[in-house]
N, C-alpha and C. Protein backbone atom coordinates (compact mmCIF):
# COMPACT_ATOMS: atom_id res chain seq x y z
N UNK A 1 63.55 -12.69 91.22
CA UNK A 1 63.06 -11.36 91.07
C UNK A 1 64.04 -10.33 91.63
N UNK A 2 64.76 -10.70 92.66
CA UNK A 2 65.78 -9.81 93.19
C UNK A 2 67.07 -10.04 92.43
N UNK A 3 67.82 -8.97 92.21
CA UNK A 3 69.07 -9.07 91.49
C UNK A 3 70.08 -9.82 92.35
N UNK A 4 70.82 -10.69 91.75
CA UNK A 4 71.81 -11.45 92.49
C UNK A 4 72.98 -10.54 92.84
N UNK A 5 73.67 -10.87 93.91
CA UNK A 5 74.80 -10.08 94.36
C UNK A 5 75.92 -10.10 93.33
N UNK A 6 75.94 -11.07 92.44
CA UNK A 6 77.00 -11.17 91.45
C UNK A 6 76.83 -10.16 90.31
N UNK A 7 75.60 -9.62 90.14
CA UNK A 7 75.37 -8.65 89.07
C UNK A 7 76.01 -7.32 89.43
N UNK A 8 76.61 -6.64 88.46
CA UNK A 8 77.25 -5.37 88.76
C UNK A 8 76.21 -4.30 89.10
N UNK A 9 76.56 -3.39 90.01
CA UNK A 9 75.63 -2.31 90.33
C UNK A 9 75.50 -1.36 89.15
N UNK A 10 74.35 -0.75 89.03
CA UNK A 10 74.14 0.24 87.98
C UNK A 10 73.71 1.54 88.63
N UNK A 11 73.83 2.61 87.90
CA UNK A 11 73.47 3.92 88.45
C UNK A 11 71.96 4.00 88.64
N UNK A 12 71.52 4.64 89.73
CA UNK A 12 70.08 4.79 89.94
C UNK A 12 69.45 5.64 88.84
N UNK A 13 68.20 5.36 88.56
CA UNK A 13 67.46 6.18 87.60
C UNK A 13 67.32 7.57 88.19
N UNK A 14 67.29 8.55 87.34
CA UNK A 14 67.09 9.92 87.80
C UNK A 14 65.90 10.51 87.09
N UNK A 15 65.49 11.68 87.51
CA UNK A 15 64.35 12.32 86.89
C UNK A 15 63.10 12.08 87.71
N UNK A 16 61.96 12.20 87.07
CA UNK A 16 60.70 12.15 87.78
C UNK A 16 60.07 10.78 87.89
N UNK A 17 60.79 9.74 87.49
CA UNK A 17 60.18 8.42 87.49
C UNK A 17 60.26 7.75 88.86
N UNK A 18 59.18 7.17 89.27
CA UNK A 18 59.06 6.52 90.57
C UNK A 18 58.78 5.03 90.41
N UNK A 19 59.23 4.28 91.38
CA UNK A 19 58.78 2.90 91.57
C UNK A 19 57.84 2.93 92.77
N UNK A 20 56.69 2.34 92.64
CA UNK A 20 55.73 2.28 93.74
C UNK A 20 55.65 0.83 94.20
N UNK A 21 55.85 0.63 95.50
CA UNK A 21 55.80 -0.69 96.12
C UNK A 21 54.51 -0.77 96.94
N UNK A 22 53.74 -1.83 96.73
CA UNK A 22 52.46 -2.00 97.44
C UNK A 22 52.48 -3.34 98.16
N UNK A 23 52.77 -3.34 99.48
CA UNK A 23 52.65 -4.58 100.25
C UNK A 23 51.16 -4.93 100.39
N UNK A 24 50.81 -6.18 100.15
CA UNK A 24 49.41 -6.60 100.24
C UNK A 24 49.31 -7.88 101.07
N UNK A 25 48.64 -7.79 102.21
CA UNK A 25 48.42 -8.97 103.05
C UNK A 25 47.53 -9.96 102.33
N UNK A 26 47.62 -11.20 102.73
CA UNK A 26 46.79 -12.24 102.13
C UNK A 26 45.32 -11.97 102.44
N UNK A 27 44.46 -12.43 101.56
CA UNK A 27 43.02 -12.22 101.74
C UNK A 27 42.51 -12.81 103.06
N UNK A 28 43.14 -13.85 103.53
CA UNK A 28 42.69 -14.46 104.78
C UNK A 28 43.04 -13.61 106.00
N UNK A 29 44.01 -12.70 105.86
CA UNK A 29 44.45 -11.90 107.00
C UNK A 29 44.14 -10.41 106.89
N UNK A 30 43.93 -9.92 105.69
CA UNK A 30 43.71 -8.49 105.48
C UNK A 30 42.39 -8.05 106.07
N UNK A 31 42.42 -6.93 106.73
CA UNK A 31 41.23 -6.32 107.34
C UNK A 31 40.52 -7.29 108.29
N UNK A 32 41.29 -8.07 109.02
CA UNK A 32 40.73 -9.07 109.92
C UNK A 32 39.93 -8.44 111.06
N UNK A 33 40.22 -7.20 111.41
CA UNK A 33 39.45 -6.55 112.48
C UNK A 33 38.03 -6.21 112.04
N UNK A 34 37.75 -6.35 110.76
CA UNK A 34 36.41 -6.04 110.25
C UNK A 34 35.49 -7.25 110.23
N UNK A 35 35.95 -8.39 110.75
CA UNK A 35 35.14 -9.61 110.67
C UNK A 35 33.83 -9.49 111.44
N UNK A 36 33.77 -8.63 112.44
CA UNK A 36 32.52 -8.46 113.18
C UNK A 36 31.48 -7.69 112.36
N UNK A 37 31.96 -6.80 111.47
CA UNK A 37 31.06 -5.97 110.67
C UNK A 37 30.76 -6.55 109.29
N UNK A 38 31.68 -7.33 108.76
CA UNK A 38 31.53 -7.83 107.40
C UNK A 38 31.64 -9.34 107.35
N UNK A 39 30.88 -9.93 106.46
CA UNK A 39 31.05 -11.37 106.23
C UNK A 39 32.41 -11.58 105.58
N UNK A 40 32.90 -12.80 105.62
CA UNK A 40 34.21 -13.07 105.03
C UNK A 40 34.22 -12.74 103.53
N UNK A 41 33.21 -13.16 102.76
CA UNK A 41 33.22 -12.80 101.33
C UNK A 41 33.19 -11.28 101.11
N UNK A 42 32.42 -10.55 101.92
CA UNK A 42 32.36 -9.09 101.76
C UNK A 42 33.70 -8.45 102.12
N UNK A 43 34.35 -8.94 103.15
CA UNK A 43 35.66 -8.41 103.57
C UNK A 43 36.68 -8.65 102.46
N UNK A 44 36.66 -9.83 101.89
CA UNK A 44 37.60 -10.14 100.80
C UNK A 44 37.34 -9.27 99.57
N UNK A 45 36.08 -9.03 99.25
CA UNK A 45 35.74 -8.13 98.14
C UNK A 45 36.25 -6.72 98.41
N UNK A 46 36.12 -6.26 99.65
CA UNK A 46 36.60 -4.94 100.02
C UNK A 46 38.12 -4.84 99.85
N UNK A 47 38.83 -5.86 100.29
CA UNK A 47 40.30 -5.88 100.17
C UNK A 47 40.71 -5.82 98.70
N UNK A 48 40.06 -6.62 97.86
CA UNK A 48 40.37 -6.62 96.43
C UNK A 48 40.05 -5.26 95.80
N UNK A 49 38.90 -4.69 96.17
CA UNK A 49 38.50 -3.40 95.60
C UNK A 49 39.49 -2.29 95.99
N UNK A 50 39.94 -2.28 97.23
CA UNK A 50 40.89 -1.25 97.66
C UNK A 50 42.23 -1.42 96.95
N UNK A 51 42.68 -2.65 96.79
CA UNK A 51 43.93 -2.89 96.06
C UNK A 51 43.78 -2.41 94.62
N UNK A 52 42.65 -2.68 93.99
CA UNK A 52 42.44 -2.23 92.61
C UNK A 52 42.44 -0.71 92.52
N UNK A 53 41.90 -0.02 93.54
CA UNK A 53 41.95 1.45 93.56
C UNK A 53 43.39 1.94 93.58
N UNK A 54 44.21 1.34 94.44
CA UNK A 54 45.62 1.72 94.55
C UNK A 54 46.35 1.43 93.24
N UNK A 55 46.09 0.27 92.66
CA UNK A 55 46.75 -0.09 91.40
C UNK A 55 46.31 0.83 90.26
N UNK A 56 45.03 1.15 90.18
CA UNK A 56 44.54 2.00 89.10
C UNK A 56 45.22 3.37 89.15
N UNK A 57 45.30 3.97 90.33
CA UNK A 57 45.93 5.28 90.46
C UNK A 57 47.43 5.19 90.19
N UNK A 58 48.07 4.19 90.73
CA UNK A 58 49.52 4.05 90.59
C UNK A 58 49.94 3.77 89.16
N UNK A 59 49.25 2.85 88.51
CA UNK A 59 49.62 2.46 87.15
C UNK A 59 49.35 3.56 86.13
N UNK A 60 48.44 4.46 86.45
CA UNK A 60 48.10 5.54 85.51
C UNK A 60 48.76 6.87 85.87
N UNK A 61 49.45 6.93 86.99
CA UNK A 61 50.10 8.16 87.41
C UNK A 61 51.28 8.44 86.46
N UNK A 62 51.35 9.65 85.90
CA UNK A 62 52.38 9.92 84.88
C UNK A 62 53.82 9.84 85.38
N UNK A 63 54.07 9.99 86.67
CA UNK A 63 55.45 9.95 87.16
C UNK A 63 55.84 8.59 87.70
N UNK A 64 54.94 7.62 87.62
CA UNK A 64 55.23 6.26 88.10
C UNK A 64 55.64 5.39 86.92
N UNK A 65 56.83 4.82 87.03
CA UNK A 65 57.37 3.97 85.98
C UNK A 65 56.99 2.51 86.17
N UNK A 66 56.95 2.05 87.44
CA UNK A 66 56.65 0.65 87.72
C UNK A 66 55.92 0.55 89.06
N UNK A 67 55.01 -0.39 89.13
CA UNK A 67 54.30 -0.70 90.38
C UNK A 67 54.59 -2.16 90.70
N UNK A 68 55.08 -2.39 91.91
CA UNK A 68 55.40 -3.75 92.36
C UNK A 68 54.54 -4.09 93.57
N UNK A 69 53.74 -5.12 93.45
CA UNK A 69 52.93 -5.60 94.57
C UNK A 69 53.67 -6.75 95.22
N UNK A 70 53.82 -6.67 96.54
CA UNK A 70 54.51 -7.72 97.29
C UNK A 70 53.46 -8.46 98.10
N UNK A 71 53.27 -9.73 97.77
CA UNK A 71 52.23 -10.51 98.44
C UNK A 71 52.57 -12.00 98.39
N UNK A 72 52.01 -12.73 99.34
CA UNK A 72 52.11 -14.19 99.33
C UNK A 72 50.79 -14.81 98.88
N UNK A 73 49.81 -13.97 98.59
CA UNK A 73 48.47 -14.43 98.24
C UNK A 73 48.36 -14.61 96.72
N UNK A 74 48.07 -15.82 96.28
CA UNK A 74 48.01 -16.10 94.84
C UNK A 74 46.91 -15.33 94.14
N UNK A 75 45.76 -15.19 94.79
CA UNK A 75 44.65 -14.47 94.16
C UNK A 75 45.00 -12.99 93.98
N UNK A 76 45.59 -12.37 95.01
CA UNK A 76 45.98 -10.97 94.90
C UNK A 76 47.12 -10.80 93.90
N UNK A 77 48.03 -11.77 93.85
CA UNK A 77 49.11 -11.71 92.88
C UNK A 77 48.54 -11.75 91.46
N UNK A 78 47.58 -12.60 91.22
CA UNK A 78 46.95 -12.69 89.91
C UNK A 78 46.20 -11.41 89.57
N UNK A 79 45.50 -10.86 90.54
CA UNK A 79 44.78 -9.60 90.36
C UNK A 79 45.75 -8.48 89.99
N UNK A 80 46.87 -8.40 90.72
CA UNK A 80 47.86 -7.36 90.48
C UNK A 80 48.51 -7.52 89.11
N UNK A 81 48.89 -8.74 88.77
CA UNK A 81 49.52 -8.99 87.48
C UNK A 81 48.55 -8.67 86.35
N UNK A 82 47.30 -9.03 86.52
CA UNK A 82 46.28 -8.74 85.51
C UNK A 82 46.06 -7.25 85.30
N UNK A 83 46.29 -6.47 86.36
CA UNK A 83 46.14 -5.02 86.25
C UNK A 83 47.37 -4.37 85.62
N UNK A 84 48.48 -5.11 85.55
CA UNK A 84 49.69 -4.57 84.95
C UNK A 84 50.82 -4.31 85.91
N UNK A 85 50.68 -4.75 87.15
CA UNK A 85 51.74 -4.56 88.14
C UNK A 85 52.72 -5.72 88.11
N UNK A 86 53.93 -5.46 88.53
CA UNK A 86 54.92 -6.53 88.73
C UNK A 86 54.59 -7.15 90.09
N UNK A 87 54.74 -8.44 90.22
CA UNK A 87 54.45 -9.12 91.48
C UNK A 87 55.73 -9.69 92.04
N UNK A 88 55.99 -9.37 93.31
CA UNK A 88 57.13 -9.92 94.04
C UNK A 88 56.58 -10.80 95.15
N UNK A 89 57.18 -11.95 95.35
CA UNK A 89 56.72 -12.85 96.41
C UNK A 89 57.12 -12.28 97.76
N UNK A 90 56.21 -12.29 98.69
CA UNK A 90 56.45 -11.74 100.03
C UNK A 90 57.61 -12.44 100.72
N UNK A 91 57.83 -13.69 100.38
CA UNK A 91 58.86 -14.45 101.07
C UNK A 91 60.24 -14.31 100.43
N UNK A 92 60.36 -13.55 99.32
CA UNK A 92 61.69 -13.29 98.76
C UNK A 92 62.51 -12.56 99.82
N UNK A 93 63.78 -12.88 99.88
CA UNK A 93 64.61 -12.27 100.91
C UNK A 93 64.98 -10.86 100.53
N UNK A 94 64.85 -9.92 101.49
CA UNK A 94 65.34 -8.58 101.21
C UNK A 94 66.85 -8.60 101.15
N UNK A 95 67.43 -7.49 100.76
CA UNK A 95 68.88 -7.42 100.59
C UNK A 95 69.61 -7.72 101.88
N UNK A 96 70.90 -8.01 101.76
CA UNK A 96 71.72 -8.30 102.93
C UNK A 96 71.89 -7.07 103.80
N UNK A 97 71.93 -5.89 103.17
CA UNK A 97 72.07 -4.69 103.99
C UNK A 97 70.76 -4.41 104.71
N UNK A 98 70.84 -3.89 105.94
CA UNK A 98 69.62 -3.68 106.71
C UNK A 98 68.76 -2.56 106.12
N UNK A 99 67.49 -2.80 106.08
CA UNK A 99 66.54 -1.77 105.66
C UNK A 99 65.65 -1.46 106.84
N UNK A 100 65.45 -0.20 107.09
CA UNK A 100 64.57 0.21 108.17
C UNK A 100 63.27 0.67 107.55
N UNK A 101 62.22 -0.01 107.84
CA UNK A 101 60.90 0.34 107.33
C UNK A 101 60.00 0.47 108.54
N UNK A 102 59.45 1.65 108.73
CA UNK A 102 58.59 1.88 109.90
C UNK A 102 57.13 1.88 109.47
N UNK A 103 56.26 1.79 110.44
CA UNK A 103 54.82 1.83 110.19
C UNK A 103 54.27 0.46 109.85
N UNK A 104 53.00 0.28 110.15
CA UNK A 104 52.36 -0.98 109.84
C UNK A 104 52.82 -2.11 110.74
N UNK A 105 52.32 -3.28 110.46
CA UNK A 105 52.70 -4.43 111.28
C UNK A 105 53.95 -5.09 110.69
N UNK A 106 54.38 -6.16 111.30
CA UNK A 106 55.61 -6.83 110.89
C UNK A 106 55.53 -7.33 109.44
N UNK A 107 54.39 -7.86 109.04
CA UNK A 107 54.23 -8.35 107.67
C UNK A 107 54.37 -7.21 106.68
N UNK A 108 53.74 -6.07 106.98
CA UNK A 108 53.83 -4.90 106.11
C UNK A 108 55.28 -4.44 106.00
N UNK A 109 55.97 -4.35 107.12
CA UNK A 109 57.36 -3.88 107.11
C UNK A 109 58.26 -4.82 106.32
N UNK A 110 58.07 -6.11 106.49
CA UNK A 110 58.90 -7.07 105.75
C UNK A 110 58.61 -7.00 104.26
N UNK A 111 57.33 -6.96 103.90
CA UNK A 111 56.97 -6.88 102.48
C UNK A 111 57.49 -5.58 101.87
N UNK A 112 57.41 -4.48 102.62
CA UNK A 112 57.95 -3.21 102.13
C UNK A 112 59.45 -3.32 101.92
N UNK A 113 60.15 -3.97 102.83
CA UNK A 113 61.61 -4.15 102.69
C UNK A 113 61.94 -4.98 101.45
N UNK A 114 61.15 -6.01 101.17
CA UNK A 114 61.36 -6.81 99.95
C UNK A 114 61.20 -5.92 98.72
N UNK A 115 60.15 -5.13 98.69
CA UNK A 115 59.91 -4.24 97.55
C UNK A 115 60.97 -3.17 97.40
N UNK A 116 61.38 -2.57 98.50
CA UNK A 116 62.42 -1.54 98.45
C UNK A 116 63.74 -2.13 97.96
N UNK A 117 64.07 -3.32 98.43
CA UNK A 117 65.30 -3.98 97.99
C UNK A 117 65.25 -4.24 96.49
N UNK A 118 64.12 -4.72 96.00
CA UNK A 118 63.98 -4.97 94.57
C UNK A 118 64.16 -3.66 93.79
N UNK A 119 63.49 -2.59 94.21
CA UNK A 119 63.55 -1.32 93.47
C UNK A 119 64.94 -0.73 93.47
N UNK A 120 65.67 -0.93 94.54
CA UNK A 120 67.03 -0.38 94.63
C UNK A 120 68.05 -1.24 93.90
N UNK A 121 67.68 -2.49 93.58
CA UNK A 121 68.62 -3.39 92.93
C UNK A 121 68.14 -3.85 91.57
N UNK A 122 67.08 -3.26 91.07
CA UNK A 122 66.60 -3.62 89.74
C UNK A 122 67.73 -3.38 88.74
N UNK A 123 67.66 -4.00 87.57
CA UNK A 123 68.73 -3.80 86.58
C UNK A 123 69.07 -2.32 86.38
N UNK A 124 68.09 -1.45 86.45
CA UNK A 124 68.32 -0.01 86.47
C UNK A 124 67.60 0.50 87.72
N UNK A 125 68.31 0.62 88.85
CA UNK A 125 67.67 0.95 90.13
C UNK A 125 66.89 2.27 90.10
N UNK A 126 65.88 2.33 90.90
CA UNK A 126 65.05 3.51 91.02
C UNK A 126 65.57 4.37 92.17
N UNK A 127 65.80 5.65 91.89
CA UNK A 127 66.25 6.58 92.93
C UNK A 127 65.06 7.01 93.79
N UNK A 128 63.88 6.96 93.22
CA UNK A 128 62.67 7.39 93.93
C UNK A 128 61.74 6.19 94.07
N UNK A 129 61.49 5.83 95.32
CA UNK A 129 60.63 4.68 95.61
C UNK A 129 59.62 5.09 96.67
N UNK A 130 58.37 4.81 96.43
CA UNK A 130 57.31 5.08 97.40
C UNK A 130 56.67 3.76 97.79
N UNK A 131 56.33 3.64 99.06
CA UNK A 131 55.59 2.46 99.54
C UNK A 131 54.18 2.93 99.86
N UNK A 132 53.20 2.31 99.21
CA UNK A 132 51.79 2.64 99.42
C UNK A 132 51.08 1.48 100.07
N UNK A 133 50.24 1.78 101.02
CA UNK A 133 49.38 0.76 101.60
C UNK A 133 48.42 0.27 100.52
N UNK A 134 48.01 -0.96 100.62
CA UNK A 134 47.09 -1.52 99.62
C UNK A 134 45.63 -1.19 99.92
N UNK A 135 45.41 -0.47 101.02
CA UNK A 135 44.02 -0.19 101.43
C UNK A 135 43.75 1.32 101.47
N UNK A 136 43.92 1.95 100.31
CA UNK A 136 43.63 3.38 100.17
C UNK A 136 42.42 3.52 99.24
N UNK A 137 41.22 3.36 99.79
CA UNK A 137 40.04 3.35 98.93
C UNK A 137 39.84 4.69 98.22
N UNK A 138 39.60 4.61 96.92
CA UNK A 138 39.28 5.80 96.16
C UNK A 138 40.44 6.73 95.87
N UNK A 139 41.68 6.30 96.13
CA UNK A 139 42.82 7.16 95.83
C UNK A 139 42.79 7.52 94.34
N UNK A 140 43.11 8.77 94.05
CA UNK A 140 43.08 9.22 92.66
C UNK A 140 44.49 9.43 92.13
N UNK A 141 44.58 9.50 90.83
CA UNK A 141 45.87 9.77 90.19
C UNK A 141 46.40 11.11 90.66
N UNK A 142 45.53 12.12 90.73
CA UNK A 142 45.94 13.46 91.16
C UNK A 142 46.47 13.47 92.58
N UNK A 143 45.80 12.74 93.48
CA UNK A 143 46.25 12.67 94.87
C UNK A 143 47.62 12.02 94.95
N UNK A 144 47.81 10.94 94.23
CA UNK A 144 49.10 10.25 94.24
C UNK A 144 50.18 11.13 93.63
N UNK A 145 49.88 11.75 92.51
CA UNK A 145 50.84 12.63 91.85
C UNK A 145 51.26 13.77 92.79
N UNK A 146 50.29 14.37 93.48
CA UNK A 146 50.60 15.45 94.44
C UNK A 146 51.45 14.95 95.59
N UNK A 147 51.15 13.76 96.10
CA UNK A 147 51.91 13.21 97.20
C UNK A 147 53.35 12.92 96.77
N UNK A 148 53.53 12.37 95.60
CA UNK A 148 54.87 12.08 95.11
C UNK A 148 55.64 13.37 94.80
N UNK A 149 54.93 14.38 94.34
CA UNK A 149 55.57 15.67 94.07
C UNK A 149 56.05 16.32 95.36
N UNK A 150 55.29 16.12 96.43
CA UNK A 150 55.66 16.72 97.73
C UNK A 150 56.88 16.02 98.29
């Protein structure tokens, strides 16, 4: 999924098109602090529903060209692919050059780095890349479009 170092670099895409990267923790680990309030099946349903909200807004946003979900979870990968997103394995190695990704926990930062590396090295690299959390319940196309415009 990542471009090999042997491939020639290409010019970054320009214009209003964005690549959106969505790191998604595995269902067994996502929202683990909610285990006291929610049963495991309810917590897993919530995680899937929030990811679907993020995917629906991202995939339908007019300035988003591609959505890449980075996950090691097979069920979430299938859900993302079924919605129309590209799926990158969380364990794919990010680029050799260092990427600084702040915010979130170590898994989020690593998954974000994998997605950013992919977007910057795609056959036609994206000049504009956004990383969205997978747990933005109810996010709308308008909200995402406004955020990307800002």
